[in-house]
Structures are given as C-alpha cells and as structure tokens.
N, C-alpha and C. Protein backbone atom coordinates (compact mmCIF):
# COMPACT_ATOMS: atom_id res chain seq x y z
N MET A 1 -26.69 18.71 31.43
CA MET A 1 -25.38 18.14 30.79
C MET A 1 -24.53 19.33 29.77
N LYS A 2 -23.92 19.62 30.16
CA LYS A 2 -22.46 20.70 29.30
C LYS A 2 -22.07 19.66 28.23
N PHE A 3 -22.14 20.08 26.62
CA PHE A 3 -21.11 19.46 25.66
C PHE A 3 -20.23 19.82 25.30
N ASN A 4 -19.04 18.40 24.72
CA ASN A 4 -17.94 18.77 24.89
C ASN A 4 -17.63 18.16 23.86
N LYS A 5 -17.70 20.34 23.43
CA LYS A 5 -17.08 20.97 21.66
C LYS A 5 -15.98 20.03 21.00
N GLY A 6 -15.00 19.48 21.29
CA GLY A 6 -13.79 19.14 21.27
C GLY A 6 -14.48 17.63 20.53
N LYS A 7 -15.06 16.94 21.16
CA LYS A 7 -15.41 15.93 21.26
C LYS A 7 -16.31 15.64 18.83
N TYR A 8 -17.07 16.64 19.47
CA TYR A 8 -17.75 16.70 17.68
C TYR A 8 -17.92 16.76 16.88
N ARG A 9 -17.69 16.84 15.38
CA ARG A 9 -16.12 16.70 14.47
C ARG A 9 -17.54 16.82 13.68
N VAL A 10 -17.59 16.88 12.19
CA VAL A 10 -18.76 17.17 11.31
C VAL A 10 -17.91 16.72 9.83
N LEU A 11 -19.09 15.48 9.30
CA LEU A 11 -18.33 14.41 8.20
C LEU A 11 -19.10 15.31 6.99
N HIS A 12 -18.56 15.83 6.23
CA HIS A 12 -19.03 15.76 4.82
C HIS A 12 -19.60 15.00 3.41
N LEU A 13 -20.26 14.63 2.99
CA LEU A 13 -20.72 13.62 3.14
C LEU A 13 -21.82 13.78 1.18
N GLY A 14 -20.73 13.04 0.33
CA GLY A 14 -21.07 13.48 -0.98
C GLY A 14 -20.46 14.22 -1.72
N ARG A 15 -20.43 14.75 -2.71
CA ARG A 15 -19.60 16.06 -3.84
C ARG A 15 -19.77 16.55 -4.07
N ASN A 16 -21.50 17.01 -3.88
CA ASN A 16 -21.56 18.08 -4.47
C ASN A 16 -21.84 19.07 -3.17
N ASN A 17 -21.60 18.38 -1.81
CA ASN A 17 -22.41 19.29 -0.37
C ASN A 17 -20.75 20.41 -0.42
N PRO A 18 -21.55 21.52 -0.03
CA PRO A 18 -21.60 23.02 0.52
C PRO A 18 -20.47 22.44 1.58
N LYS A 19 -20.84 22.41 2.34
CA LYS A 19 -19.76 21.62 3.54
C LYS A 19 -19.36 24.07 3.60
N HIS A 20 -21.01 24.13 4.71
CA HIS A 20 -20.97 24.73 5.21
C HIS A 20 -20.76 24.46 6.52
N GLN A 21 -20.05 25.38 7.80
CA GLN A 21 -20.36 25.28 9.35
C GLN A 21 -20.83 25.38 9.70
N TYR A 22 -20.82 24.55 11.05
CA TYR A 22 -21.36 23.87 11.69
C TYR A 22 -21.18 24.61 13.38
N ARG A 23 -22.33 25.31 13.85
CA ARG A 23 -21.82 25.51 14.62
C ARG A 23 -22.50 24.73 16.47
N LEU A 24 -22.00 24.73 17.87
CA LEU A 24 -22.07 25.10 18.80
C LEU A 24 -22.60 25.22 20.17
N GLY A 25 -23.60 25.93 20.04
CA GLY A 25 -23.64 27.57 20.43
C GLY A 25 -23.06 28.61 19.66
N VAL A 26 -21.73 29.46 20.22
CA VAL A 26 -21.00 30.13 19.48
C VAL A 26 -19.82 29.64 19.11
N ASP A 27 -19.68 27.80 19.07
CA ASP A 27 -18.07 27.79 19.01
C ASP A 27 -17.95 27.01 17.42
N LEU A 28 -17.48 26.56 16.56
CA LEU A 28 -17.44 25.82 15.37
C LEU A 28 -17.39 25.09 15.58
N LEU A 29 -18.02 23.59 14.69
CA LEU A 29 -17.32 22.42 14.85
C LEU A 29 -17.06 21.96 13.38
N ALA A 30 -15.64 21.44 14.31
CA ALA A 30 -14.16 21.34 13.36
C ALA A 30 -14.59 20.46 11.97
N SER A 31 -13.46 20.04 11.31
CA SER A 31 -14.51 19.60 10.15
C SER A 31 -13.63 18.38 10.04
N SER A 32 -13.62 17.46 9.86
CA SER A 32 -12.70 15.86 9.12
C SER A 32 -13.65 15.07 8.21
N SER A 33 -12.66 14.39 7.33
CA SER A 33 -12.21 14.04 5.77
C SER A 33 -12.85 12.54 7.00
N ALA A 34 -12.25 11.54 7.77
CA ALA A 34 -12.18 10.50 7.92
C ALA A 34 -13.59 10.36 9.50
N GLU A 35 -13.97 9.34 9.86
CA GLU A 35 -14.61 9.63 11.48
C GLU A 35 -14.80 7.91 11.92
N LYS A 36 -14.18 7.27 13.54
CA LYS A 36 -14.34 5.42 13.05
C LYS A 36 -15.13 6.05 14.27
N ASP A 37 -16.57 5.04 14.39
CA ASP A 37 -17.42 5.14 14.53
C ASP A 37 -17.71 3.70 14.36
N LEU A 38 -17.95 3.00 16.21
CA LEU A 38 -18.54 1.26 16.20
C LEU A 38 -16.84 0.31 15.63
N GLY A 39 -16.03 0.65 15.73
CA GLY A 39 -15.26 0.39 14.71
C GLY A 39 -14.08 0.10 12.86
N VAL A 40 -15.51 1.28 12.77
CA VAL A 40 -15.88 1.29 11.74
C VAL A 40 -15.31 2.49 11.26
N LEU A 41 -13.83 2.61 9.93
CA LEU A 41 -13.75 3.94 9.45
C LEU A 41 -15.08 4.23 8.27
N VAL A 42 -15.18 5.44 8.69
CA VAL A 42 -16.65 5.90 7.50
C VAL A 42 -15.79 7.44 7.03
N GLY A 43 -15.54 7.39 5.92
CA GLY A 43 -15.16 8.86 5.35
C GLY A 43 -16.06 9.69 4.59
N ASN A 44 -15.23 10.48 3.97
CA ASN A 44 -16.12 11.03 3.12
C ASN A 44 -17.18 10.39 1.51
N LYS A 45 -16.24 10.12 1.29
CA LYS A 45 -16.19 9.98 0.56
C LYS A 45 -17.35 8.48 -0.11
N LEU A 46 -16.90 8.23 1.22
CA LEU A 46 -17.76 6.16 1.30
C LEU A 46 -17.21 5.56 1.52
N SER A 47 -16.16 5.54 0.75
CA SER A 47 -15.43 4.06 0.22
C SER A 47 -14.67 3.27 1.66
N MET A 48 -14.51 2.06 0.68
CA MET A 48 -13.73 1.07 1.74
C MET A 48 -12.31 1.35 1.74
N SER A 49 -11.69 2.25 0.71
CA SER A 49 -10.34 1.89 0.57
C SER A 49 -10.18 1.98 1.74
N GLN A 50 -10.30 3.02 2.44
CA GLN A 50 -9.90 3.25 3.89
C GLN A 50 -9.67 2.14 4.04
N LYS A 51 -10.99 1.23 4.68
CA LYS A 51 -10.95 0.19 6.23
C LYS A 51 -10.59 -0.60 5.55
N CYS A 52 -9.58 -0.93 4.34
CA CYS A 52 -9.20 -2.08 3.72
C CYS A 52 -8.19 -2.16 4.13
N ALA A 53 -7.77 -0.78 3.47
CA ALA A 53 -6.39 -0.88 3.89
C ALA A 53 -5.74 -0.66 4.77
N LEU A 54 -6.36 -0.56 5.89
CA LEU A 54 -6.10 -0.79 7.66
C LEU A 54 -5.78 -2.19 8.01
N VAL A 55 -6.87 -2.51 7.22
CA VAL A 55 -6.94 -4.28 8.40
C VAL A 55 -6.05 -4.79 7.25
N ALA A 56 -5.54 -4.58 5.54
CA ALA A 56 -4.25 -5.47 5.11
C ALA A 56 -3.65 -4.92 6.54
N LYS A 57 -2.55 -3.90 6.56
CA LYS A 57 -1.70 -3.69 7.34
C LYS A 57 -1.74 -3.92 8.36
N LYS A 58 -2.55 -4.36 9.68
CA LYS A 58 -3.02 -5.13 10.44
C LYS A 58 -2.27 -6.67 10.19
N ALA A 59 -3.31 -7.64 9.02
CA ALA A 59 -2.80 -8.52 8.36
C ALA A 59 -2.25 -8.69 8.53
N ASN A 60 -1.09 -8.39 7.62
CA ASN A 60 0.54 -8.42 6.79
C ASN A 60 1.37 -7.95 8.56
N GLY A 61 1.22 -6.92 9.50
CA GLY A 61 1.84 -7.37 10.35
C GLY A 61 1.85 -8.22 11.18
N ILE A 62 0.94 -8.72 11.09
CA ILE A 62 0.05 -10.07 11.76
C ILE A 62 1.69 -11.39 11.30
N LEU A 63 1.17 -11.35 10.39
CA LEU A 63 1.66 -12.43 9.65
C LEU A 63 3.35 -12.46 9.76
N GLY A 64 3.87 -10.96 9.25
CA GLY A 64 5.14 -10.87 10.55
C GLY A 64 5.65 -10.89 10.96
N CYS A 65 4.37 -10.89 12.23
CA CYS A 65 5.40 -11.77 13.67
C CYS A 65 4.93 -13.28 13.12
N ILE A 66 4.09 -14.27 12.71
CA ILE A 66 4.00 -15.40 12.78
C ILE A 66 5.55 -15.42 12.11
N LYS A 67 6.18 -15.48 11.00
CA LYS A 67 7.46 -15.32 9.92
C LYS A 67 8.62 -15.76 10.84
N LYS A 68 8.66 -14.00 12.13
CA LYS A 68 9.63 -13.91 12.37
C LYS A 68 9.92 -14.84 14.10
N SER A 69 9.05 -15.04 14.76
CA SER A 69 8.93 -15.96 15.17
C SER A 69 8.77 -17.69 15.06
N VAL A 70 8.30 -17.98 14.76
CA VAL A 70 8.83 -19.26 14.14
C VAL A 70 9.40 -19.83 13.14
N ALA A 71 10.41 -20.50 13.48
CA ALA A 71 11.52 -21.35 12.69
C ALA A 71 11.22 -22.18 11.48
N SER A 72 10.78 -22.64 12.28
CA SER A 72 9.71 -24.15 10.75
C SER A 72 9.22 -23.15 9.96
N ARG A 73 9.46 -23.25 8.30
CA ARG A 73 8.34 -23.18 7.67
C ARG A 73 7.64 -24.03 6.62
N SER A 74 7.26 -25.41 7.75
CA SER A 74 6.74 -26.79 7.67
C SER A 74 5.68 -26.15 7.15
N ARG A 75 4.37 -27.22 6.20
CA ARG A 75 2.88 -26.89 5.79
C ARG A 75 2.01 -27.03 7.04
N GLU A 76 2.59 -28.26 8.01
CA GLU A 76 2.80 -29.07 8.97
C GLU A 76 2.86 -27.62 10.53
N VAL A 77 3.22 -27.15 10.77
CA VAL A 77 2.99 -25.84 11.34
C VAL A 77 3.03 -25.18 11.06
N ILE A 78 2.91 -24.22 10.24
CA ILE A 78 2.14 -22.90 10.15
C ILE A 78 0.47 -22.83 9.38
N LEU A 79 0.57 -23.58 9.02
CA LEU A 79 -1.68 -24.17 8.89
C LEU A 79 -2.05 -23.56 9.69
N PRO A 80 -2.04 -24.56 11.21
CA PRO A 80 -2.81 -24.71 12.78
C PRO A 80 -2.37 -23.41 12.87
N ILE A 81 -0.78 -22.30 13.61
CA ILE A 81 -1.29 -20.89 13.11
C ILE A 81 -2.04 -20.15 12.47
N CYS A 82 -2.13 -19.95 11.61
CA CYS A 82 -2.81 -19.45 10.62
C CYS A 82 -3.97 -20.07 10.25
N SER A 83 -4.79 -20.84 10.41
CA SER A 83 -6.05 -21.16 10.96
C SER A 83 -6.39 -20.44 11.87
N ALA A 84 -5.22 -20.95 13.28
CA ALA A 84 -6.53 -20.69 14.52
C ALA A 84 -6.86 -18.66 14.89
N LEU A 85 -5.17 -17.89 13.77
CA LEU A 85 -6.27 -16.47 12.96
C LEU A 85 -7.17 -16.23 12.50
N VAL A 86 -7.54 -16.94 11.79
CA VAL A 86 -8.19 -16.47 10.74
C VAL A 86 -9.96 -17.47 11.19
N ARG A 87 -10.72 -16.25 10.99
CA ARG A 87 -12.24 -16.84 11.57
C ARG A 87 -13.05 -16.61 10.56
N GLN A 88 -13.69 -18.13 10.17
CA GLN A 88 -14.42 -17.89 8.52
C GLN A 88 -15.77 -17.85 8.84
N GLY A 89 -15.62 -17.46 7.41
CA GLY A 89 -17.19 -16.67 7.82
C GLY A 89 -18.92 -17.67 6.63
N ASP A 90 -18.46 -16.98 6.05
CA ASP A 90 -19.52 -18.35 5.24
C ASP A 90 -19.25 -19.48 4.42
N GLY A 91 -17.89 -19.12 4.52
CA GLY A 91 -17.24 -20.41 3.86
C GLY A 91 -16.77 -19.90 2.76
N THR A 92 -17.19 -18.96 2.12
CA THR A 92 -16.26 -18.34 1.24
C THR A 92 -15.02 -17.36 1.06
N SER A 93 -15.10 -16.82 2.25
CA SER A 93 -13.54 -16.19 2.90
C SER A 93 -13.31 -15.50 4.15
N GLY A 94 -11.73 -16.29 4.51
CA GLY A 94 -11.74 -15.79 6.03
C GLY A 94 -11.49 -14.46 6.95
N VAL A 95 -11.84 -14.08 7.44
CA VAL A 95 -11.46 -12.46 8.50
C VAL A 95 -10.29 -12.54 9.02
N LEU A 96 -8.72 -12.07 9.02
CA LEU A 96 -7.95 -12.27 9.62
C LEU A 96 -8.37 -11.65 11.58
N CYS A 97 -7.54 -12.32 12.44
CA CYS A 97 -7.62 -11.85 14.20
C CYS A 97 -6.78 -11.80 14.53
N PRO A 98 -6.80 -10.90 15.15
CA PRO A 98 -5.75 -9.96 15.46
C PRO A 98 -4.81 -11.12 16.91
N GLY A 99 -6.27 -10.93 17.79
CA GLY A 99 -6.06 -11.81 18.77
C GLY A 99 -6.94 -13.36 18.97
N LEU A 100 -6.62 -13.79 18.92
CA LEU A 100 -7.72 -15.17 19.18
C LEU A 100 -8.87 -15.04 19.58
N GLY A 101 -9.58 -14.80 18.87
CA GLY A 101 -11.49 -14.79 19.45
C GLY A 101 -11.64 -12.93 19.56
N SER A 102 -11.22 -12.52 18.29
CA SER A 102 -11.20 -11.11 18.37
C SER A 102 -11.03 -10.39 16.95
N PRO A 103 -12.91 -11.09 16.37
CA PRO A 103 -12.33 -10.13 15.02
C PRO A 103 -12.58 -8.73 14.71
N VAL A 104 -11.08 -9.07 13.66
CA VAL A 104 -11.38 -7.43 12.95
C VAL A 104 -12.77 -6.53 12.83
C-alpha cells in the first residue's frame, strides 16, 4: 500500500526546534503550524488559546441563532433552550453543545 504524501504534515513543537525538513521517499513533507486530530486543534505552541477561540466563536454563533429565532426574551423561555444546549460536566462548568446531545 502506498502512502498519500499530500495528507502528511510535519508539526514542529517547542521553542528551540531547529525545524528540520523531513522526506517521505524523495518528496519533502509540508510543515504546518497547527493540525486537527480527533477534533482537537494542536498547535506548535501547544496552547489552548486557538481551541478556546474556536469554541467561543461556535458558542456565540449558537447564542446568536437563539436570539434571532426566539421572540420572547423572558427567563422562562430562554433558560430551557440554553439549558438544552449546555452539557454539565462535573457541576462547575458547562460545555455548549451545537446540536442536542453532541458535545463540543
């Protein structure tokens, strides 16, 4: 079986990484500053800021859709809708779910 060389990327981790170029056969592999694996964005700095920014953007989009589609702004109407979209973890924080039952 042959490798699809276009699917492979090199992720250089660490501050003092010399960033060598790697080959697969005779072809050079492309470098990347961040890659997504199993739904988690991993960057070369290993910080969570990129992931947090993506989750916040998605959450704000969902809240905007709720705001546009619901005529009433009363607590009795908004609270059940938002509660259906938030999955409670250990009781201290919630995770906004874009679809019912599918955590971010």
